[in-house]
Amino acid sequence: MARENDLFKFKRFLKKDEGALPAQAELILKTIHDAGEITRTNLLKKLETTLTTKQAPARVLSFYRSPLVNSGCIQVISDKVAPKARPQKRVAAKS
């Protein structure tokens, strides 16, 4: 699930022998690279002015997020905090 305050951090560009990214993915990666790190909200604002597609920037970002993370090009740090563990009920030992 996408969260508005997710932080996108640039890690690396693909090497030539690793293949090429689609143009839209390259644009997303370059935008993150130029910022160093950027929140999802600010990234979408920048993509609104640079992406030339009929798709909404949020949809394009959602589509390319996993391939960019899985290839090691970016890291996404979520603002999601793990839920607190519920206390376990203590059960008396039977003798």
Protein backbone atom coordinates (compact mmCIF):
# COMPACT_ATOMS: atom_id res chain seq x y z
CA MET A 1 0.00 0.00 0.00
CA ALA A 2 1.37 3.40 -0.96
CA ARG A 3 1.78 5.93 1.78
CA GLU A 4 2.13 9.63 1.10
CA ASN A 5 5.17 10.00 3.35
CA ASP A 6 7.12 7.04 1.98
CA LEU A 7 10.69 8.16 1.38
CA PHE A 8 12.31 7.21 -1.92
CA LYS A 9 16.13 7.05 -1.84
CA PHE A 10 18.38 6.71 -4.88
CA LYS A 11 20.78 3.76 -4.78
CA ARG A 12 22.21 3.24 -8.28
CA PHE A 13 21.65 3.32 -12.01
CA LEU A 14 21.52 0.04 -13.92
CA LYS A 15 24.72 -1.06 -15.64
CA LYS A 16 24.60 -1.45 -19.41
CA ASP A 17 24.91 -5.22 -19.15
CA GLU A 18 21.84 -5.32 -16.87
CA GLY A 19 19.56 -4.06 -19.62
CA ALA A 20 17.59 -0.86 -19.95
CA LEU A 21 14.61 0.47 -18.08
CA PRO A 22 11.51 1.74 -19.86
CA ALA A 23 11.53 5.51 -20.43
CA GLN A 24 9.00 6.21 -17.67
CA ALA A 25 11.00 4.17 -15.14
CA GLU A 26 14.17 6.01 -16.20
CA LEU A 27 12.42 9.33 -15.62
CA ILE A 28 11.29 8.25 -12.15
CA LEU A 29 14.81 7.06 -11.31
CA LYS A 30 16.40 10.28 -12.63
CA THR A 31 13.96 12.39 -10.60
CA ILE A 32 14.82 10.47 -7.43
CA HIS A 33 18.54 10.67 -8.29
CA ASP A 34 18.37 14.46 -8.72
CA ALA A 35 16.71 14.79 -5.31
CA GLY A 36 18.86 12.18 -3.56
CA GLU A 37 15.82 11.30 -1.48
CA ILE A 38 12.27 12.50 -1.85
CA THR A 39 8.86 11.82 -0.33
CA ARG A 40 6.18 10.18 -2.45
CA THR A 41 4.09 13.37 -2.35
CA ASN A 42 6.92 15.55 -3.67
CA LEU A 43 7.93 12.92 -6.24
CA LEU A 44 4.39 12.83 -7.63
CA LYS A 45 4.34 16.65 -7.85
CA LYS A 46 7.56 16.59 -9.89
CA LEU A 47 6.33 13.77 -12.10
CA GLU A 48 3.13 15.67 -12.89
CA THR A 49 5.20 18.21 -14.83
CA THR A 50 7.65 15.80 -16.46
CA LEU A 51 5.73 12.62 -17.33
CA THR A 52 4.11 12.63 -20.73
CA THR A 53 1.45 9.94 -20.50
CA LYS A 54 -2.28 9.62 -20.17
CA GLN A 55 -1.82 7.66 -16.95
CA ALA A 56 -1.80 9.46 -13.62
CA PRO A 57 1.69 9.82 -12.10
CA ALA A 58 0.58 7.79 -9.05
CA ARG A 59 -0.36 4.87 -11.26
CA VAL A 60 2.92 5.00 -13.21
CA LEU A 61 4.90 5.18 -9.97
CA SER A 62 2.97 2.24 -8.52
CA PHE A 63 3.68 0.20 -11.65
CA TYR A 64 7.46 0.81 -11.65
CA ARG A 65 8.07 0.92 -7.89
CA SER A 66 8.66 -2.83 -7.45
CA PRO A 67 10.97 -3.26 -10.46
CA LEU A 68 13.06 -0.27 -9.33
CA VAL A 69 13.30 -1.63 -5.77
CA ASN A 70 13.97 -5.22 -6.88
CA SER A 71 16.76 -4.10 -9.22
CA GLY A 72 18.45 -2.22 -6.38
CA CYS A 73 18.03 1.18 -8.03
CA ILE A 74 15.97 2.70 -5.23
CA GLN A 75 15.06 2.07 -1.63
CA VAL A 76 11.64 2.93 -0.23
CA ILE A 77 11.41 3.66 3.45
CA SER A 78 7.84 3.44 4.64
CA ASP A 79 6.43 5.63 7.36
CA LYS A 80 4.34 2.67 8.44
CA VAL A 81 5.01 1.78 12.02
CA ALA A 82 4.67 -1.83 13.05
CA PRO A 83 1.65 -2.36 15.27
CA LYS A 84 2.35 -2.93 18.93
CA ALA A 85 2.30 -6.52 19.97
CA ARG A 86 -0.66 -7.40 22.12
CA PRO A 87 0.29 -8.70 25.54
CA GLN A 88 0.06 -12.44 25.80
CA LYS A 89 -2.24 -13.95 28.39
CA ARG A 90 -0.38 -15.89 30.99
CA VAL A 91 -1.55 -19.40 31.44
CA ALA A 92 -0.95 -21.04 34.79
CA ALA A 93 1.10 -24.19 34.49
CA LYS A 94 -0.78 -27.34 35.39
CA SER A 95 0.86 -29.62 37.91
